[in-house]
N, C-alpha and C. Protein backbone atom coordinates (compact mmCIF):
# COMPACT_ATOMS: atom_id res chain seq x y z
N MET A 1 21.42 11.82 -2.07
CA MET A 1 20.25 11.14 -1.58
C MET A 1 21.97 9.68 -1.35
N ASP A 2 21.54 8.76 -0.14
CA ASP A 2 22.27 7.84 0.28
C ASP A 2 21.37 6.65 -0.74
N ASP A 3 23.19 5.67 -1.45
CA ASP A 3 22.71 4.65 -2.30
C ASP A 3 21.00 4.02 -1.62
N GLN A 4 21.39 3.38 -0.35
CA GLN A 4 19.76 2.84 0.15
C GLN A 4 18.36 3.49 0.63
N THR A 5 18.75 4.86 0.73
CA THR A 5 17.11 5.81 0.34
C THR A 5 16.81 5.58 -1.15
N LYS A 6 18.50 5.97 -1.69
CA LYS A 6 17.70 6.33 -3.35
C LYS A 6 16.94 4.54 -3.67
N LEU A 7 17.97 3.47 -3.84
CA LEU A 7 17.00 1.72 -4.18
C LEU A 7 15.11 1.68 -3.25
N GLU A 8 14.91 2.46 -2.71
CA GLU A 8 13.88 2.67 -1.31
C GLU A 8 12.97 3.56 -2.28
N ILE A 9 13.36 4.56 -2.51
CA ILE A 9 12.41 5.86 -3.16
C ILE A 9 12.25 5.14 -4.48
N GLU A 10 13.07 4.38 -5.30
CA GLU A 10 12.89 3.26 -6.44
C GLU A 10 12.13 2.20 -6.60
N ALA A 11 11.56 1.44 -5.30
CA ALA A 11 11.08 0.77 -5.36
C ALA A 11 9.38 0.75 -4.66
N ALA A 12 9.96 2.04 -4.33
CA ALA A 12 8.22 2.33 -3.88
C ALA A 12 7.86 3.04 -5.60
N ALA A 13 8.61 3.68 -6.32
CA ALA A 13 7.68 3.28 -7.17
C ALA A 13 7.46 2.41 -8.27
N PHE A 14 8.68 1.21 -7.58
CA PHE A 14 7.80 0.59 -8.50
C PHE A 14 6.34 -0.13 -8.29
N ARG A 15 5.87 -0.40 -6.66
CA ARG A 15 5.25 -0.24 -6.38
C ARG A 15 3.71 0.42 -6.46
N ARG A 16 4.43 1.66 -6.78
CA ARG A 16 3.31 2.61 -6.88
C ARG A 16 2.65 2.16 -8.46
N LEU A 17 3.21 2.06 -9.04
CA LEU A 17 3.19 1.79 -10.91
C LEU A 17 1.93 0.35 -10.90
N GLN A 18 2.66 -0.37 -10.18
CA GLN A 18 2.20 -2.02 -9.61
C GLN A 18 -0.04 -1.97 -9.66
N GLN A 19 0.24 -0.67 -8.69
CA GLN A 19 -0.75 -0.30 -8.40
C GLN A 19 -1.78 0.13 -9.11
N HIS A 20 -1.62 0.77 -9.83
CA HIS A 20 -1.80 2.14 -11.01
C HIS A 20 -2.13 0.94 -12.26
N LEU A 21 -1.56 -0.20 -12.12
CA LEU A 21 -1.82 -0.66 -13.49
C LEU A 21 -2.14 -2.17 -12.88
N MET A 22 -3.20 -2.79 -11.76
CA MET A 22 -3.08 -4.40 -11.36
C MET A 22 -4.30 -3.51 -10.92
N GLN A 23 -4.48 -2.79 -9.74
CA GLN A 23 -5.94 -1.88 -9.11
C GLN A 23 -6.41 -1.09 -10.11
N ASP A 24 -5.49 0.49 -10.11
CA ASP A 24 -6.61 1.30 -10.63
C ASP A 24 -6.91 1.85 -12.30
N ARG A 25 -6.57 1.35 -12.77
CA ARG A 25 -6.30 0.78 -14.83
C ARG A 25 -5.89 -0.51 -14.61
N THR A 26 -6.99 -1.46 -13.78
CA THR A 26 -7.16 -2.72 -14.90
C THR A 26 -8.23 -2.79 -15.78
N ASP A 27 -8.75 -1.60 -16.48
CA ASP A 27 -8.71 -1.76 -17.71
C ASP A 27 -8.05 -1.03 -19.56
N VAL A 28 -7.01 -1.04 -18.73
CA VAL A 28 -6.22 -0.77 -19.51
C VAL A 28 -5.77 -2.18 -20.15
N GLN A 29 -5.64 -2.59 -21.22
CA GLN A 29 -5.47 -3.79 -21.73
C GLN A 29 -3.75 -3.46 -21.91
N ASN A 30 -3.21 -4.79 -21.82
CA ASN A 30 -1.83 -4.85 -22.39
C ASN A 30 -1.91 -4.76 -23.06
N ILE A 31 -2.24 -5.12 -24.75
CA ILE A 31 -1.59 -5.12 -25.74
C ILE A 31 -1.95 -3.49 -25.99
N ASP A 32 -2.64 -2.29 -25.44
CA ASP A 32 -2.48 -1.23 -26.19
C ASP A 32 -1.92 -0.51 -25.24
N MET A 33 -0.73 -1.50 -24.00
CA MET A 33 0.52 -0.50 -23.35
C MET A 33 1.93 -0.58 -24.31
N MET A 34 1.06 -1.99 -24.88
CA MET A 34 2.53 -2.46 -25.52
C MET A 34 2.91 -2.04 -27.15
N ASN A 35 1.73 -1.67 -27.93
CA ASN A 35 1.23 -1.19 -28.68
C ASN A 35 2.43 0.21 -28.62
N LEU A 36 1.57 1.04 -27.70
CA LEU A 36 2.31 2.44 -27.38
C LEU A 36 3.34 2.70 -26.77
N THR A 37 3.53 1.68 -25.77
CA THR A 37 4.85 2.13 -24.80
C THR A 37 5.57 1.25 -25.40
N GLY A 38 5.58 -0.42 -26.15
CA GLY A 38 6.62 -0.59 -25.66
C GLY A 38 6.92 -1.83 -24.72
N PHE A 39 5.83 -2.03 -23.19
CA PHE A 39 5.75 -2.67 -22.79
C PHE A 39 4.92 -2.92 -22.17
N CYS A 40 4.59 -3.72 -21.49
CA CYS A 40 2.73 -3.80 -20.04
C CYS A 40 3.46 -4.59 -19.72
N ARG A 41 2.19 -5.37 -18.48
CA ARG A 41 2.19 -5.66 -17.49
C ARG A 41 3.29 -7.20 -17.59
N ASN A 42 3.35 -8.05 -18.82
CA ASN A 42 4.27 -9.42 -18.41
C ASN A 42 5.57 -9.33 -18.76
N CYS A 43 5.84 -7.80 -19.24
CA CYS A 43 7.11 -7.52 -19.58
C CYS A 43 7.61 -7.81 -17.98
N LEU A 44 7.02 -6.91 -17.73
CA LEU A 44 7.20 -6.02 -15.73
C LEU A 44 7.69 -7.03 -15.91
N SER A 45 6.06 -8.12 -15.30
CA SER A 45 6.51 -9.58 -14.64
C SER A 45 7.42 -9.98 -14.89
N ARG A 46 8.62 -10.29 -16.28
CA ARG A 46 9.28 -10.76 -17.02
C ARG A 46 10.49 -10.46 -16.43
N TRP A 47 10.11 -9.13 -16.40
CA TRP A 47 11.94 -8.15 -15.50
C TRP A 47 11.97 -8.60 -14.33
N TYR A 48 11.05 -8.67 -13.49
CA TYR A 48 11.09 -9.42 -12.18
C TYR A 48 11.44 -10.25 -12.10
N GLN A 49 11.21 -11.65 -12.39
CA GLN A 49 11.61 -13.20 -12.80
C GLN A 49 13.49 -12.69 -13.34
N GLU A 50 13.68 -11.42 -14.20
CA GLU A 50 14.98 -11.59 -14.34
C GLU A 50 15.77 -11.33 -13.72
N ALA A 51 15.57 -10.82 -12.13
CA ALA A 51 15.86 -9.47 -10.76
C ALA A 51 15.56 -11.05 -10.43
N ALA A 52 15.07 -12.10 -10.05
CA ALA A 52 15.42 -12.73 -9.44
C ALA A 52 15.74 -14.07 -9.57
N ASN A 53 16.22 -13.94 -10.55
CA ASN A 53 16.97 -15.01 -10.93
C ASN A 53 18.67 -14.75 -11.56
N GLU A 54 19.09 -13.37 -11.50
CA GLU A 54 20.15 -12.73 -11.88
C GLU A 54 20.84 -12.96 -10.39
N ARG A 55 19.56 -12.95 -8.40
CA ARG A 55 20.26 -12.79 -7.84
C ARG A 55 20.23 -14.20 -6.77
N GLY A 56 20.21 -15.57 -8.20
CA GLY A 56 19.67 -16.68 -8.25
C GLY A 56 18.51 -17.73 -6.92
N ILE A 57 17.99 -17.09 -7.76
CA ILE A 57 16.64 -17.27 -6.54
C ILE A 57 15.76 -18.01 -8.18
N GLU A 58 15.21 -18.81 -8.12
CA GLU A 58 15.33 -19.82 -8.93
C GLU A 58 13.38 -18.96 -9.34
N MET A 59 12.70 -18.53 -10.69
CA MET A 59 11.68 -18.53 -10.69
C MET A 59 10.93 -18.32 -11.64
N THR A 60 9.91 -19.33 -11.78
CA THR A 60 9.39 -19.28 -13.53
C THR A 60 8.50 -18.02 -13.82
N LYS A 61 8.21 -18.04 -15.11
CA LYS A 61 7.67 -17.35 -15.74
C LYS A 61 5.83 -17.11 -15.07
N ASP A 62 5.46 -18.25 -14.55
CA ASP A 62 4.21 -18.67 -14.40
C ASP A 62 3.77 -17.84 -13.47
N GLU A 63 5.18 -18.29 -12.42
CA GLU A 63 5.33 -17.92 -10.67
C GLU A 63 5.30 -16.14 -10.41
N ALA A 64 6.36 -15.35 -11.63
CA ALA A 64 6.45 -14.58 -11.58
C ALA A 64 5.06 -13.53 -12.17
N ARG A 65 4.48 -14.26 -13.09
CA ARG A 65 3.88 -13.88 -13.11
C ARG A 65 2.35 -13.54 -12.40
N GLU A 66 2.03 -14.51 -12.26
CA GLU A 66 1.43 -14.58 -10.28
C GLU A 66 1.34 -13.57 -9.27
N THR A 67 2.85 -13.88 -9.20
CA THR A 67 3.90 -12.69 -7.34
C THR A 67 2.71 -10.90 -8.45
N TYR A 68 3.77 -10.47 -9.74
CA TYR A 68 2.89 -9.70 -10.45
C TYR A 68 1.71 -9.15 -10.42
N TYR A 69 0.78 -10.13 -10.77
CA TYR A 69 -0.40 -9.53 -10.87
C TYR A 69 -1.04 -9.86 -9.66
N GLY A 70 -0.35 -10.54 -8.37
CA GLY A 70 -1.43 -10.74 -7.76
C GLY A 70 -2.27 -12.32 -7.91
N MET A 71 -2.34 -12.41 -8.85
CA MET A 71 -3.67 -13.99 -8.80
C MET A 71 -2.49 -14.50 -10.60
N THR A 72 -3.08 -15.80 -11.03
CA THR A 72 -2.52 -16.06 -12.39
C THR A 72 -3.51 -15.81 -13.16
N MET A 73 -2.78 -15.87 -14.50
CA MET A 73 -2.97 -15.16 -16.28
C MET A 73 -4.16 -15.71 -16.26
N ALA A 74 -4.75 -16.67 -15.83
CA ALA A 74 -5.81 -17.95 -16.26
C ALA A 74 -7.34 -16.18 -15.37
N GLU A 75 -6.70 -15.48 -14.60
CA GLU A 75 -7.95 -14.82 -13.54
C GLU A 75 -7.14 -13.47 -14.03
N TRP A 76 -7.06 -13.26 -14.12
CA TRP A 76 -6.15 -11.39 -14.94
C TRP A 76 -6.88 -11.56 -16.02
N LYS A 77 -6.97 -12.82 -16.80
CA LYS A 77 -7.78 -12.82 -18.59
C LYS A 77 -9.38 -13.05 -18.66
N ALA A 78 -9.68 -13.92 -17.44
CA ALA A 78 -11.01 -13.79 -17.31
C ALA A 78 -11.90 -12.58 -16.82
N ASN A 79 -10.77 -11.79 -15.85
CA ASN A 79 -11.66 -10.59 -14.82
C ASN A 79 -11.28 -9.48 -15.53
N TYR A 80 -10.50 -9.21 -16.92
CA TYR A 80 -10.32 -7.92 -17.11
C TYR A 80 -10.23 -8.13 -18.78
N GLN A 81 -9.64 -8.81 -19.39
CA GLN A 81 -9.03 -9.07 -21.01
C GLN A 81 -10.36 -8.81 -21.56
N THR A 82 -9.88 -8.14 -22.59
CA THR A 82 -11.39 -8.12 -23.10
C THR A 82 -10.81 -8.45 -25.06
N ASP A 83 -11.29 -8.53 -25.54
CA ASP A 83 -10.50 -9.01 -27.15
C ASP A 83 -10.04 -8.01 -28.08
N ALA A 84 -9.39 -8.35 -28.34
CA ALA A 84 -8.25 -6.98 -29.40
C ALA A 84 -8.88 -7.01 -30.82
N SER A 85 -8.69 -5.75 -31.36
CA SER A 85 -8.91 -5.97 -32.81
C SER A 85 -8.22 -6.29 -33.69
N PRO A 86 -8.51 -6.59 -34.88
CA PRO A 86 -6.44 -7.10 -35.99
C PRO A 86 -6.22 -6.31 -35.84
N GLU A 87 -6.04 -5.28 -36.18
CA GLU A 87 -5.62 -3.84 -36.44
C GLU A 87 -5.26 -3.82 -35.09
N LYS A 88 -5.03 -4.27 -33.62
CA LYS A 88 -4.25 -3.92 -32.65
C LYS A 88 -3.70 -5.48 -32.69
N GLN A 89 -4.04 -5.93 -32.81
CA GLN A 89 -3.10 -7.86 -32.74
C GLN A 89 -2.17 -7.86 -34.41
N GLU A 90 -2.34 -6.36 -35.17
CA GLU A 90 -1.48 -6.67 -36.53
C GLU A 90 0.15 -5.64 -35.52
N ALA A 91 -0.44 -4.41 -34.86
CA ALA A 91 0.20 -3.56 -34.82
C ALA A 91 1.21 -4.34 -33.00
N PHE A 92 0.41 -4.82 -32.15
CA PHE A 92 0.89 -6.02 -31.17
C PHE A 92 2.30 -6.57 -31.63
N LYS A 93 2.13 -7.40 -33.12
CA LYS A 93 3.09 -7.98 -33.86
C LYS A 93 4.91 -7.54 -34.24
N THR A 94 4.60 -6.15 -34.84
CA THR A 94 6.25 -5.35 -34.79
C THR A 94 5.77 -4.31 -33.43
N ALA A 95 5.65 -4.07 -32.51
CA ALA A 95 5.82 -3.81 -31.38
C ALA A 95 6.04 -5.09 -30.48
N PHE A 96 6.49 -6.08 -30.45
CA PHE A 96 6.90 -7.60 -29.65
C PHE A 96 7.47 -8.12 -30.89
N ALA A 97 7.76 -7.16 -31.46
CA ALA A 97 9.63 -8.15 -32.79
C ALA A 97 10.86 -6.84 -32.23
N GLU A 98 9.92 -5.64 -32.19
CA GLU A 98 10.90 -4.19 -31.79
C GLU A 98 11.61 -4.28 -30.35
N ASN A 99 10.42 -5.28 -29.26
CA ASN A 99 10.70 -4.69 -27.71
C ASN A 99 10.92 -5.68 -27.24
N VAL A 100 10.52 -6.69 -27.02
CA VAL A 100 11.26 -7.58 -26.63
C VAL A 100 11.10 -8.60 -27.16
N GLY A 101 11.04 -9.59 -28.70
CA GLY A 101 12.16 -10.06 -29.35
C GLY A 101 13.58 -9.88 -29.48
N LYS A 102 13.96 -8.17 -29.45
CA LYS A 102 15.43 -8.53 -29.81
C LYS A 102 15.83 -8.96 -28.16
N ALA A 103 15.48 -8.69 -27.63
CA ALA A 103 15.76 -9.46 -25.65
C ALA A 103 16.23 -10.40 -25.68
């Protein structure tokens, strides 16, 4: 497989993951993803921002989130985010420290 084809396939897989998380499974909460996998939609938007910045494209965290989510964080939260239990919030502290805090 040539490099361009590989790049296109990787981009298509990323877009499908984004569609899955943003359209197909809006019921899955970020906190559950972080607690289980060590990353969530916000991580994906941050990685998007970092990739843009590495290429000299200025992008803020809010701009990256809006690009990834297809809406503002306020809109996402109002439409899809539910309250997390104290147990989930406590587990999140550990998951965040282990996965994001070390970044």
